[in-house]
N, C-alpha and C. Protein backbone atom coordinates (compact mmCIF):
# COMPACT_ATOMS: atom_id res chain seq x y z
N MET A 1 -0.79 4.59 21.22
CA MET A 1 -0.26 5.95 21.24
C MET A 1 -0.95 6.76 20.14
N LYS A 2 -1.59 7.86 20.51
CA LYS A 2 -2.29 8.72 19.56
C LYS A 2 -1.32 9.73 18.98
N VAL A 3 -1.20 9.76 17.66
CA VAL A 3 -0.35 10.73 16.98
C VAL A 3 -1.19 11.97 16.67
N LYS A 4 -0.67 13.14 17.06
CA LYS A 4 -1.33 14.41 16.74
C LYS A 4 -0.33 15.34 16.06
N VAL A 5 -0.78 15.98 15.00
CA VAL A 5 0.06 16.92 14.25
C VAL A 5 -0.43 18.33 14.54
N TYR A 6 0.43 19.15 15.12
CA TYR A 6 0.11 20.54 15.44
C TYR A 6 0.61 21.41 14.27
N VAL A 7 -0.33 21.88 13.48
CA VAL A 7 -0.03 22.49 12.19
C VAL A 7 -0.15 24.01 12.25
N GLU A 8 0.83 24.69 11.69
CA GLU A 8 0.70 26.13 11.46
C GLU A 8 -0.34 26.36 10.38
N GLY A 9 -1.31 27.23 10.65
CA GLY A 9 -2.30 27.55 9.63
C GLY A 9 -3.72 27.47 10.14
N GLY A 10 -4.61 28.08 9.39
CA GLY A 10 -6.03 28.03 9.72
C GLY A 10 -6.57 29.32 10.29
N GLY A 11 -5.68 30.27 10.63
CA GLY A 11 -6.15 31.53 11.17
C GLY A 11 -6.93 31.34 12.45
N ASP A 12 -7.90 32.21 12.68
CA ASP A 12 -8.70 32.09 13.90
C ASP A 12 -10.19 31.98 13.61
N GLY A 13 -10.53 31.74 12.34
CA GLY A 13 -11.93 31.57 11.97
C GLY A 13 -12.32 30.10 11.92
N LYS A 14 -13.54 29.79 12.32
CA LYS A 14 -13.98 28.39 12.38
C LYS A 14 -13.89 27.71 11.03
N SER A 15 -14.32 28.39 9.97
CA SER A 15 -14.34 27.76 8.64
C SER A 15 -12.94 27.45 8.14
N THR A 16 -11.99 28.35 8.37
CA THR A 16 -10.63 28.09 7.89
C THR A 16 -9.94 27.03 8.74
N LEU A 17 -10.22 26.98 10.02
CA LEU A 17 -9.64 25.93 10.87
C LEU A 17 -10.14 24.56 10.43
N ILE A 18 -11.43 24.47 10.13
CA ILE A 18 -11.99 23.20 9.64
C ILE A 18 -11.37 22.83 8.30
N ALA A 19 -11.26 23.82 7.40
CA ALA A 19 -10.68 23.57 6.07
C ALA A 19 -9.23 23.13 6.17
N CYS A 20 -8.49 23.71 7.09
CA CYS A 20 -7.09 23.35 7.30
C CYS A 20 -6.98 21.89 7.74
N ARG A 21 -7.76 21.50 8.73
CA ARG A 21 -7.73 20.12 9.20
C ARG A 21 -8.10 19.14 8.09
N ARG A 22 -9.13 19.49 7.33
CA ARG A 22 -9.59 18.60 6.27
C ARG A 22 -8.53 18.45 5.18
N ALA A 23 -7.89 19.55 4.80
CA ALA A 23 -6.90 19.51 3.73
C ALA A 23 -5.71 18.63 4.10
N PHE A 24 -5.19 18.79 5.30
CA PHE A 24 -4.04 17.98 5.70
C PHE A 24 -4.44 16.52 5.88
N SER A 25 -5.63 16.26 6.36
CA SER A 25 -6.10 14.88 6.50
C SER A 25 -6.21 14.21 5.13
N LYS A 26 -6.77 14.93 4.16
CA LYS A 26 -6.90 14.38 2.81
C LYS A 26 -5.53 14.09 2.21
N LEU A 27 -4.59 14.99 2.43
CA LEU A 27 -3.25 14.80 1.87
C LEU A 27 -2.59 13.56 2.46
N ILE A 28 -2.77 13.34 3.74
CA ILE A 28 -2.21 12.15 4.39
C ILE A 28 -2.83 10.89 3.81
N GLN A 29 -4.12 10.90 3.60
CA GLN A 29 -4.80 9.75 3.01
C GLN A 29 -4.28 9.48 1.60
N LYS A 30 -4.07 10.54 0.82
CA LYS A 30 -3.57 10.36 -0.54
C LYS A 30 -2.14 9.82 -0.55
N ALA A 31 -1.41 10.05 0.55
CA ALA A 31 -0.05 9.53 0.65
C ALA A 31 -0.04 8.04 0.99
N GLY A 32 -1.21 7.46 1.18
CA GLY A 32 -1.31 6.03 1.42
C GLY A 32 -1.55 5.63 2.86
N LEU A 33 -1.69 6.61 3.75
CA LEU A 33 -1.92 6.30 5.16
C LEU A 33 -3.42 6.32 5.42
N THR A 34 -4.08 5.23 5.11
CA THR A 34 -5.54 5.19 5.19
C THR A 34 -6.06 4.38 6.36
N GLY A 35 -5.17 3.86 7.17
CA GLY A 35 -5.60 3.09 8.33
C GLY A 35 -5.82 4.00 9.52
N ARG A 36 -4.99 3.82 10.54
CA ARG A 36 -5.07 4.67 11.73
C ARG A 36 -4.54 6.05 11.37
N MET A 37 -5.39 7.05 11.51
CA MET A 37 -5.03 8.41 11.09
C MET A 37 -4.60 9.25 12.28
N PRO A 38 -3.68 10.21 12.05
CA PRO A 38 -3.31 11.13 13.13
C PRO A 38 -4.39 12.18 13.33
N GLY A 39 -4.41 12.77 14.50
CA GLY A 39 -5.25 13.94 14.71
C GLY A 39 -4.56 15.16 14.14
N ILE A 40 -5.30 16.02 13.48
CA ILE A 40 -4.76 17.26 12.93
C ILE A 40 -5.28 18.41 13.77
N VAL A 41 -4.37 19.17 14.36
CA VAL A 41 -4.74 20.32 15.19
C VAL A 41 -4.29 21.58 14.46
N ALA A 42 -5.24 22.31 13.89
CA ALA A 42 -4.94 23.57 13.21
C ALA A 42 -4.75 24.66 14.26
N CYS A 43 -3.57 25.28 14.26
CA CYS A 43 -3.18 26.15 15.38
C CYS A 43 -3.11 27.63 15.03
N GLY A 44 -3.41 28.01 13.80
CA GLY A 44 -3.27 29.41 13.45
C GLY A 44 -1.81 29.78 13.30
N PRO A 45 -1.36 30.91 13.85
CA PRO A 45 0.01 31.38 13.67
C PRO A 45 1.05 30.37 14.15
N ARG A 46 2.26 30.48 13.60
CA ARG A 46 3.31 29.51 13.91
C ARG A 46 3.66 29.48 15.39
N ASN A 47 3.67 30.62 16.05
CA ASN A 47 3.96 30.61 17.48
C ASN A 47 2.89 29.83 18.25
N GLY A 48 1.65 29.93 17.78
CA GLY A 48 0.58 29.17 18.40
C GLY A 48 0.78 27.67 18.23
N ALA A 49 1.27 27.27 17.05
CA ALA A 49 1.53 25.86 16.81
C ALA A 49 2.62 25.34 17.75
N PHE A 50 3.68 26.12 17.89
CA PHE A 50 4.76 25.68 18.78
C PHE A 50 4.29 25.65 20.23
N ASP A 51 3.53 26.64 20.65
CA ASP A 51 3.05 26.66 22.03
C ASP A 51 2.15 25.47 22.32
N ARG A 52 1.26 25.15 21.40
CA ARG A 52 0.35 24.03 21.64
C ARG A 52 1.08 22.69 21.57
N PHE A 53 2.06 22.60 20.69
CA PHE A 53 2.90 21.40 20.65
C PHE A 53 3.64 21.23 21.97
N SER A 54 4.23 22.30 22.46
CA SER A 54 5.01 22.24 23.69
C SER A 54 4.13 21.87 24.87
N THR A 55 2.91 22.40 24.90
CA THR A 55 1.98 22.08 25.98
C THR A 55 1.57 20.61 25.92
N ALA A 56 1.37 20.11 24.71
CA ALA A 56 0.94 18.72 24.53
C ALA A 56 2.06 17.73 24.80
N PHE A 57 3.31 18.20 24.67
CA PHE A 57 4.43 17.29 24.83
C PHE A 57 4.42 16.71 26.25
N GLY A 58 4.57 15.42 26.33
CA GLY A 58 4.54 14.76 27.62
C GLY A 58 3.17 14.30 28.06
N THR A 59 2.13 14.63 27.27
CA THR A 59 0.79 14.15 27.60
C THR A 59 0.76 12.63 27.46
N PRO A 60 0.34 11.91 28.49
CA PRO A 60 0.31 10.45 28.41
C PRO A 60 -0.53 9.96 27.23
N GLY A 61 0.00 9.01 26.49
CA GLY A 61 -0.73 8.41 25.39
C GLY A 61 -0.73 9.22 24.11
N GLU A 62 0.02 10.31 24.06
CA GLU A 62 0.04 11.15 22.86
C GLU A 62 1.46 11.30 22.34
N PHE A 63 1.61 11.21 21.00
CA PHE A 63 2.88 11.49 20.33
C PHE A 63 2.66 12.71 19.45
N PRO A 64 3.07 13.90 19.91
CA PRO A 64 2.82 15.12 19.13
C PRO A 64 3.91 15.36 18.09
N LEU A 65 3.49 15.88 16.94
CA LEU A 65 4.40 16.34 15.90
C LEU A 65 4.11 17.80 15.62
N LEU A 66 5.15 18.58 15.43
CA LEU A 66 5.03 19.98 15.05
C LEU A 66 5.25 20.10 13.55
N LEU A 67 4.35 20.80 12.85
CA LEU A 67 4.50 21.01 11.41
C LEU A 67 4.30 22.49 11.10
N VAL A 68 5.39 23.18 10.76
CA VAL A 68 5.34 24.61 10.48
C VAL A 68 6.16 24.93 9.23
N ASP A 69 5.92 26.10 8.66
CA ASP A 69 6.74 26.58 7.54
C ASP A 69 8.17 26.79 8.01
N SER A 70 9.12 26.48 7.15
CA SER A 70 10.51 26.84 7.48
C SER A 70 10.76 28.31 7.15
N GLU A 71 9.99 28.88 6.23
CA GLU A 71 10.04 30.27 5.78
C GLU A 71 11.26 30.60 4.94
N ARG A 72 12.35 29.94 5.15
CA ARG A 72 13.54 30.11 4.32
C ARG A 72 14.20 28.74 4.14
N PRO A 73 15.10 28.59 3.19
CA PRO A 73 15.73 27.29 2.97
C PRO A 73 16.41 26.77 4.24
N VAL A 74 16.39 25.46 4.39
CA VAL A 74 16.93 24.81 5.58
C VAL A 74 18.37 24.39 5.33
N ALA A 75 19.27 24.84 6.21
CA ALA A 75 20.68 24.45 6.10
C ALA A 75 20.82 22.97 6.45
N SER A 76 21.68 22.28 5.73
CA SER A 76 21.94 20.86 5.97
C SER A 76 20.65 20.04 5.97
N ALA A 77 19.75 20.38 5.05
CA ALA A 77 18.45 19.71 4.99
C ALA A 77 18.63 18.22 4.72
N SER A 78 17.77 17.43 5.34
CA SER A 78 17.80 15.98 5.17
C SER A 78 16.39 15.44 5.28
N GLU A 79 16.08 14.41 4.50
CA GLU A 79 14.77 13.79 4.61
C GLU A 79 14.75 12.66 5.63
N GLU A 80 15.87 12.39 6.27
CA GLU A 80 15.91 11.35 7.29
C GLU A 80 15.12 11.80 8.52
N PRO A 81 14.20 10.98 9.01
CA PRO A 81 13.42 11.38 10.20
C PRO A 81 14.29 11.74 11.40
N ALA A 82 15.45 11.08 11.54
CA ALA A 82 16.32 11.33 12.69
C ALA A 82 17.21 12.56 12.52
N SER A 83 17.09 13.27 11.41
CA SER A 83 17.92 14.46 11.19
C SER A 83 17.59 15.56 12.19
N GLU A 84 18.61 16.22 12.70
CA GLU A 84 18.43 17.31 13.65
C GLU A 84 18.22 18.65 12.95
N ALA A 85 18.24 18.66 11.61
CA ALA A 85 18.21 19.93 10.87
C ALA A 85 16.97 20.76 11.17
N ALA A 86 15.82 20.13 11.37
CA ALA A 86 14.59 20.89 11.60
C ALA A 86 14.65 21.65 12.92
N TRP A 87 15.04 20.97 13.99
CA TRP A 87 15.14 21.67 15.28
C TRP A 87 16.22 22.76 15.23
N GLU A 88 17.33 22.48 14.59
CA GLU A 88 18.39 23.48 14.47
C GLU A 88 17.89 24.70 13.71
N HIS A 89 17.11 24.46 12.66
CA HIS A 89 16.56 25.57 11.88
C HIS A 89 15.61 26.41 12.74
N LEU A 90 14.72 25.76 13.47
CA LEU A 90 13.73 26.49 14.28
C LEU A 90 14.39 27.25 15.43
N GLU A 91 15.43 26.69 15.99
CA GLU A 91 16.15 27.41 17.05
C GLU A 91 16.84 28.65 16.48
N SER A 92 17.42 28.51 15.28
CA SER A 92 18.11 29.63 14.65
C SER A 92 17.15 30.70 14.17
N SER A 93 16.05 30.30 13.54
CA SER A 93 15.15 31.27 12.91
C SER A 93 14.13 31.86 13.86
N ASP A 94 13.67 31.07 14.83
CA ASP A 94 12.59 31.51 15.72
C ASP A 94 13.00 31.60 17.18
N GLY A 95 14.16 31.05 17.52
CA GLY A 95 14.57 31.05 18.91
C GLY A 95 13.83 30.02 19.75
N TRP A 96 13.23 29.03 19.09
CA TRP A 96 12.48 28.01 19.83
C TRP A 96 13.42 26.97 20.42
N GLN A 97 13.18 26.63 21.67
CA GLN A 97 13.96 25.60 22.33
C GLN A 97 13.17 24.29 22.32
N ARG A 98 13.82 23.25 21.90
CA ARG A 98 13.17 21.94 21.87
C ARG A 98 12.76 21.51 23.28
N PRO A 99 11.53 21.06 23.47
CA PRO A 99 11.12 20.57 24.80
C PRO A 99 12.02 19.42 25.23
N PRO A 100 12.40 19.37 26.49
CA PRO A 100 13.25 18.27 26.97
C PRO A 100 12.61 16.92 26.64
N GLY A 101 13.41 16.07 26.01
CA GLY A 101 12.92 14.74 25.67
C GLY A 101 12.32 14.63 24.28
N ALA A 102 12.10 15.75 23.60
CA ALA A 102 11.55 15.70 22.25
C ALA A 102 12.58 15.12 21.29
N THR A 103 12.13 14.29 20.38
CA THR A 103 13.03 13.67 19.42
C THR A 103 13.17 14.52 18.16
N ALA A 104 14.17 14.20 17.36
CA ALA A 104 14.40 14.95 16.12
C ALA A 104 13.19 14.92 15.21
N GLU A 105 12.54 13.77 15.11
CA GLU A 105 11.44 13.62 14.15
C GLU A 105 10.17 14.34 14.57
N GLN A 106 10.12 14.84 15.79
CA GLN A 106 8.92 15.55 16.23
C GLN A 106 8.85 16.98 15.70
N ALA A 107 9.91 17.45 15.07
CA ALA A 107 9.89 18.74 14.37
C ALA A 107 9.87 18.47 12.87
N GLN A 108 8.79 18.91 12.22
CA GLN A 108 8.62 18.71 10.79
C GLN A 108 8.41 20.08 10.13
N LEU A 109 8.92 20.21 8.90
CA LEU A 109 8.89 21.50 8.22
C LEU A 109 8.21 21.41 6.86
N MET A 110 7.41 22.42 6.55
CA MET A 110 6.98 22.66 5.18
C MET A 110 8.00 23.62 4.59
N ALA A 111 8.90 23.09 3.79
CA ALA A 111 9.99 23.91 3.26
C ALA A 111 9.61 24.40 1.85
N THR A 112 9.53 25.70 1.69
CA THR A 112 9.70 26.67 2.77
C THR A 112 8.36 27.17 3.29
N CYS A 113 7.27 26.68 2.68
CA CYS A 113 5.93 27.07 3.10
C CYS A 113 4.92 26.14 2.44
N MET A 114 3.67 26.24 2.84
CA MET A 114 2.63 25.39 2.28
C MET A 114 2.50 25.56 0.77
N GLU A 115 2.79 26.76 0.28
CA GLU A 115 2.69 27.01 -1.16
C GLU A 115 3.65 26.14 -1.96
N ALA A 116 4.77 25.75 -1.36
CA ALA A 116 5.69 24.83 -2.05
C ALA A 116 5.00 23.50 -2.31
N TRP A 117 4.20 23.06 -1.35
CA TRP A 117 3.48 21.80 -1.52
C TRP A 117 2.47 21.92 -2.66
N ILE A 118 1.82 23.06 -2.76
CA ILE A 118 0.84 23.27 -3.83
C ILE A 118 1.54 23.36 -5.19
N LEU A 119 2.63 24.11 -5.25
CA LEU A 119 3.35 24.30 -6.51
C LEU A 119 4.00 23.02 -7.03
N ALA A 120 4.21 22.05 -6.16
CA ALA A 120 4.88 20.81 -6.57
C ALA A 120 4.01 19.95 -7.47
N ASP A 121 2.70 20.12 -7.41
CA ASP A 121 1.78 19.31 -8.22
C ASP A 121 1.37 20.10 -9.46
N ARG A 122 2.19 20.03 -10.52
CA ARG A 122 1.93 20.84 -11.71
C ARG A 122 0.66 20.42 -12.44
N GLN A 123 0.43 19.12 -12.56
CA GLN A 123 -0.79 18.68 -13.22
C GLN A 123 -2.01 19.09 -12.41
N GLY A 124 -1.89 18.98 -11.09
CA GLY A 124 -2.99 19.39 -10.23
C GLY A 124 -3.29 20.87 -10.36
N LEU A 125 -2.25 21.68 -10.48
CA LEU A 125 -2.45 23.13 -10.65
C LEU A 125 -3.26 23.43 -11.90
N ARG A 126 -2.96 22.73 -12.99
CA ARG A 126 -3.69 22.96 -14.24
C ARG A 126 -5.16 22.58 -14.08
N THR A 127 -5.40 21.50 -13.35
CA THR A 127 -6.78 21.06 -13.14
C THR A 127 -7.54 22.03 -12.24
N ILE A 128 -6.88 22.49 -11.19
CA ILE A 128 -7.52 23.36 -10.20
C ILE A 128 -7.79 24.75 -10.77
N PHE A 129 -6.80 25.32 -11.45
CA PHE A 129 -6.89 26.72 -11.87
C PHE A 129 -7.31 26.92 -13.32
N GLY A 130 -7.24 25.87 -14.13
CA GLY A 130 -7.73 25.97 -15.49
C GLY A 130 -6.72 26.56 -16.47
N PRO A 131 -7.18 26.82 -17.69
CA PRO A 131 -6.27 27.23 -18.77
C PRO A 131 -5.64 28.60 -18.61
N SER A 132 -6.17 29.42 -17.71
CA SER A 132 -5.60 30.76 -17.52
C SER A 132 -4.40 30.77 -16.58
N LEU A 133 -4.07 29.61 -16.01
CA LEU A 133 -2.88 29.51 -15.17
C LEU A 133 -1.64 29.84 -15.99
N GLN A 134 -0.80 30.73 -15.49
CA GLN A 134 0.42 31.14 -16.19
C GLN A 134 1.56 30.17 -15.83
N THR A 135 1.59 29.04 -16.51
CA THR A 135 2.55 27.99 -16.17
C THR A 135 3.99 28.40 -16.44
N GLY A 136 4.18 29.33 -17.37
CA GLY A 136 5.54 29.75 -17.69
C GLY A 136 6.25 30.45 -16.57
N SER A 137 5.51 30.96 -15.59
CA SER A 137 6.12 31.68 -14.48
C SER A 137 6.43 30.78 -13.29
N LEU A 138 6.10 29.49 -13.40
CA LEU A 138 6.30 28.58 -12.27
C LEU A 138 7.72 28.04 -12.26
N PRO A 139 8.39 28.05 -11.12
CA PRO A 139 9.76 27.54 -11.04
C PRO A 139 9.78 26.02 -11.08
N PRO A 140 10.91 25.42 -11.45
CA PRO A 140 11.01 23.96 -11.43
C PRO A 140 10.68 23.40 -10.05
N ALA A 141 9.94 22.30 -10.03
CA ALA A 141 9.52 21.73 -8.74
C ALA A 141 10.71 21.35 -7.87
N SER A 142 11.81 20.97 -8.51
CA SER A 142 12.99 20.54 -7.75
C SER A 142 13.66 21.68 -6.99
N THR A 143 13.30 22.94 -7.30
CA THR A 143 13.93 24.09 -6.65
C THR A 143 13.07 24.70 -5.55
N LEU A 144 11.87 24.19 -5.32
CA LEU A 144 10.91 24.86 -4.44
C LEU A 144 11.41 25.00 -3.01
N GLU A 145 12.07 23.97 -2.49
CA GLU A 145 12.53 24.02 -1.10
C GLU A 145 13.73 24.95 -0.92
N ASN A 146 14.26 25.45 -2.01
CA ASN A 146 15.42 26.36 -1.94
C ASN A 146 15.03 27.81 -2.16
N ARG A 147 13.74 28.12 -2.14
CA ARG A 147 13.26 29.48 -2.37
C ARG A 147 12.56 30.01 -1.13
N GLU A 148 12.69 31.31 -0.90
CA GLU A 148 12.05 31.95 0.25
C GLU A 148 10.53 31.81 0.17
N ALA A 149 9.90 31.71 1.32
CA ALA A 149 8.45 31.57 1.37
C ALA A 149 7.75 32.72 0.67
N ARG A 150 8.20 33.93 0.90
CA ARG A 150 7.53 35.09 0.29
C ARG A 150 7.60 35.04 -1.24
N GLU A 151 8.70 34.52 -1.77
CA GLU A 151 8.82 34.40 -3.22
C GLU A 151 7.81 33.40 -3.76
N LEU A 152 7.67 32.25 -3.11
CA LEU A 152 6.73 31.23 -3.57
C LEU A 152 5.29 31.72 -3.48
N GLN A 153 4.98 32.43 -2.42
CA GLN A 153 3.62 32.96 -2.27
C GLN A 153 3.31 33.98 -3.36
N ARG A 154 4.29 34.81 -3.68
CA ARG A 154 4.11 35.80 -4.75
C ARG A 154 3.94 35.11 -6.10
N ILE A 155 4.77 34.12 -6.38
CA ILE A 155 4.71 33.40 -7.65
C ILE A 155 3.34 32.76 -7.85
N LEU A 156 2.84 32.09 -6.82
CA LEU A 156 1.56 31.40 -6.95
C LEU A 156 0.41 32.39 -7.12
N LYS A 157 0.47 33.48 -6.39
CA LYS A 157 -0.58 34.49 -6.52
C LYS A 157 -0.59 35.10 -7.92
N GLU A 158 0.59 35.43 -8.43
CA GLU A 158 0.68 36.05 -9.75
C GLU A 158 0.31 35.08 -10.87
N ALA A 159 0.69 33.82 -10.72
CA ALA A 159 0.41 32.83 -11.77
C ALA A 159 -1.08 32.54 -11.90
N THR A 160 -1.84 32.82 -10.85
CA THR A 160 -3.28 32.51 -10.87
C THR A 160 -4.16 33.75 -10.93
N ARG A 161 -3.57 34.91 -11.09
CA ARG A 161 -4.35 36.14 -10.97
C ARG A 161 -5.40 36.31 -12.06
N ASN A 162 -5.23 35.64 -13.20
CA ASN A 162 -6.19 35.76 -14.31
C ASN A 162 -7.14 34.57 -14.40
N CYS A 163 -7.20 33.77 -13.34
CA CYS A 163 -7.97 32.53 -13.39
C CYS A 163 -9.44 32.71 -13.06
N GLY A 164 -9.85 33.93 -12.80
CA GLY A 164 -11.27 34.17 -12.55
C GLY A 164 -11.57 34.47 -11.10
N ARG A 165 -12.63 35.20 -10.90
CA ARG A 165 -13.03 35.57 -9.55
C ARG A 165 -13.35 34.32 -8.73
N GLY A 166 -12.76 34.27 -7.56
CA GLY A 166 -12.99 33.13 -6.68
C GLY A 166 -12.06 31.96 -6.92
N LYS A 167 -11.32 31.97 -8.04
CA LYS A 167 -10.42 30.86 -8.35
C LYS A 167 -8.96 31.20 -8.09
N ALA A 168 -8.59 32.47 -8.20
CA ALA A 168 -7.20 32.87 -7.98
C ALA A 168 -6.77 32.48 -6.57
N TYR A 169 -5.46 32.22 -6.44
CA TYR A 169 -4.94 31.79 -5.14
C TYR A 169 -4.86 32.96 -4.17
N ARG A 170 -5.21 32.68 -2.94
CA ARG A 170 -5.03 33.65 -1.86
C ARG A 170 -4.95 32.88 -0.54
N LYS A 171 -4.32 33.49 0.43
CA LYS A 171 -4.21 32.89 1.75
C LYS A 171 -5.60 32.80 2.38
N GLY A 172 -5.75 31.85 3.29
CA GLY A 172 -7.03 31.69 3.96
C GLY A 172 -7.78 30.48 3.43
N LEU A 173 -9.10 30.58 3.39
CA LEU A 173 -9.93 29.44 3.01
C LEU A 173 -9.55 28.88 1.64
N ARG A 174 -9.31 29.75 0.67
CA ARG A 174 -8.96 29.30 -0.68
C ARG A 174 -7.70 28.45 -0.68
N SER A 175 -6.71 28.82 0.11
CA SER A 175 -5.45 28.07 0.12
C SER A 175 -5.66 26.62 0.56
N PHE A 176 -6.55 26.40 1.52
CA PHE A 176 -6.79 25.03 1.98
C PHE A 176 -7.68 24.26 1.01
N GLN A 177 -8.56 24.96 0.31
CA GLN A 177 -9.34 24.31 -0.74
C GLN A 177 -8.42 23.78 -1.83
N VAL A 178 -7.38 24.55 -2.14
CA VAL A 178 -6.41 24.13 -3.16
C VAL A 178 -5.56 22.97 -2.64
N LEU A 179 -5.04 23.09 -1.42
CA LEU A 179 -4.20 22.04 -0.86
C LEU A 179 -4.94 20.70 -0.82
N GLU A 180 -6.21 20.75 -0.54
CA GLU A 180 -7.02 19.52 -0.46
C GLU A 180 -7.03 18.76 -1.78
N GLN A 181 -6.79 19.46 -2.89
CA GLN A 181 -6.90 18.85 -4.21
C GLN A 181 -5.57 18.36 -4.79
N VAL A 182 -4.44 18.71 -4.16
CA VAL A 182 -3.16 18.29 -4.73
C VAL A 182 -2.93 16.81 -4.45
N GLU A 183 -2.06 16.20 -5.26
CA GLU A 183 -1.77 14.78 -5.15
C GLU A 183 -0.45 14.56 -4.43
N ALA A 184 -0.49 13.70 -3.43
CA ALA A 184 0.68 13.46 -2.59
C ALA A 184 1.85 12.88 -3.38
N GLU A 185 1.58 12.07 -4.40
CA GLU A 185 2.68 11.46 -5.15
C GLU A 185 3.54 12.52 -5.84
N ALA A 186 2.92 13.60 -6.30
CA ALA A 186 3.69 14.67 -6.92
C ALA A 186 4.60 15.34 -5.91
N LEU A 187 4.13 15.48 -4.68
CA LEU A 187 4.94 16.09 -3.63
C LEU A 187 6.09 15.17 -3.24
N LYS A 188 5.81 13.89 -3.17
CA LYS A 188 6.86 12.93 -2.83
C LYS A 188 8.02 12.98 -3.83
N ARG A 189 7.69 13.18 -5.09
CA ARG A 189 8.73 13.18 -6.12
C ARG A 189 9.70 14.34 -5.98
N SER A 190 9.22 15.48 -5.48
CA SER A 190 10.03 16.71 -5.53
C SER A 190 10.46 17.28 -4.19
N LEU A 191 9.81 16.90 -3.10
CA LEU A 191 9.99 17.60 -1.83
C LEU A 191 10.52 16.68 -0.73
N PRO A 192 11.82 16.75 -0.42
CA PRO A 192 12.39 15.90 0.63
C PRO A 192 11.72 16.07 1.99
N HIS A 193 11.34 17.30 2.34
CA HIS A 193 10.72 17.49 3.65
C HIS A 193 9.33 16.88 3.72
N PHE A 194 8.62 16.85 2.60
CA PHE A 194 7.34 16.16 2.59
C PHE A 194 7.55 14.66 2.77
N ARG A 195 8.56 14.10 2.10
CA ARG A 195 8.86 12.67 2.27
C ARG A 195 9.23 12.37 3.71
N ARG A 196 9.95 13.27 4.35
CA ARG A 196 10.34 13.06 5.76
C ARG A 196 9.11 13.02 6.65
N TRP A 197 8.16 13.93 6.42
CA TRP A 197 6.94 13.97 7.22
C TRP A 197 6.13 12.68 7.06
N ILE A 198 5.96 12.24 5.83
CA ILE A 198 5.19 11.03 5.57
C ILE A 198 5.90 9.80 6.15
N ALA A 199 7.23 9.75 6.04
CA ALA A 199 7.98 8.63 6.60
C ALA A 199 7.81 8.57 8.12
N THR A 200 7.81 9.73 8.76
CA THR A 200 7.63 9.78 10.21
C THR A 200 6.23 9.32 10.59
N LEU A 201 5.23 9.81 9.88
CA LEU A 201 3.86 9.38 10.15
C LEU A 201 3.71 7.87 9.94
N SER A 202 4.28 7.36 8.87
CA SER A 202 4.17 5.93 8.57
C SER A 202 4.75 5.09 9.70
N ARG A 203 5.86 5.55 10.22
CA ARG A 203 6.51 4.81 11.30
C ARG A 203 5.65 4.75 12.55
N HIS A 204 5.00 5.84 12.89
CA HIS A 204 4.26 5.89 14.16
C HIS A 204 2.80 5.50 14.03
N LEU A 205 2.32 5.35 12.80
CA LEU A 205 0.94 4.91 12.61
C LEU A 205 0.86 3.44 12.22
N ALA A 206 2.02 2.80 12.11
CA ALA A 206 2.04 1.39 11.69
C ALA A 206 1.39 0.50 12.76
């Protein structure tokens, strides 16, 4: 059974789509999954990710996973793969209906956005952005999944604004260059939804 992850992100440019796939693949490898790897499908906008996931669902020999931003904190959040919280959140926030037969673990969330994953690795941030990173403005890693996506994106952009031309954080190619450098162990320590995603992958790639 081939595992494929349909990821929100990458825009519609070839270079950013490639960078998105590479960043998520590297992160999975750093999490210890170095054997049979999932396919990473960079889908651009979140609706595109859901549409491609839904189309792929039921394809013989494929186990698709959806991975999108939650955009806001998840009610009744749980890191258990069998938790229904992700599908309930997506139905409430986006009006998405789970494809018939899809399991709870096939909906995975970046809570509340990819920037939470980047902000969780404090040592990595210092290495990536250098001494001009404004560490005093960064929220505690344990609170990241409880903050709105727009807030986290603003915080990361402002904290890196003095880090030099080409180094400051921005959406697009730069964001995936940064994600590629973060360490999975730091994310595991602070982010229940990241642990849920890795646990699900581990189960189906074993």
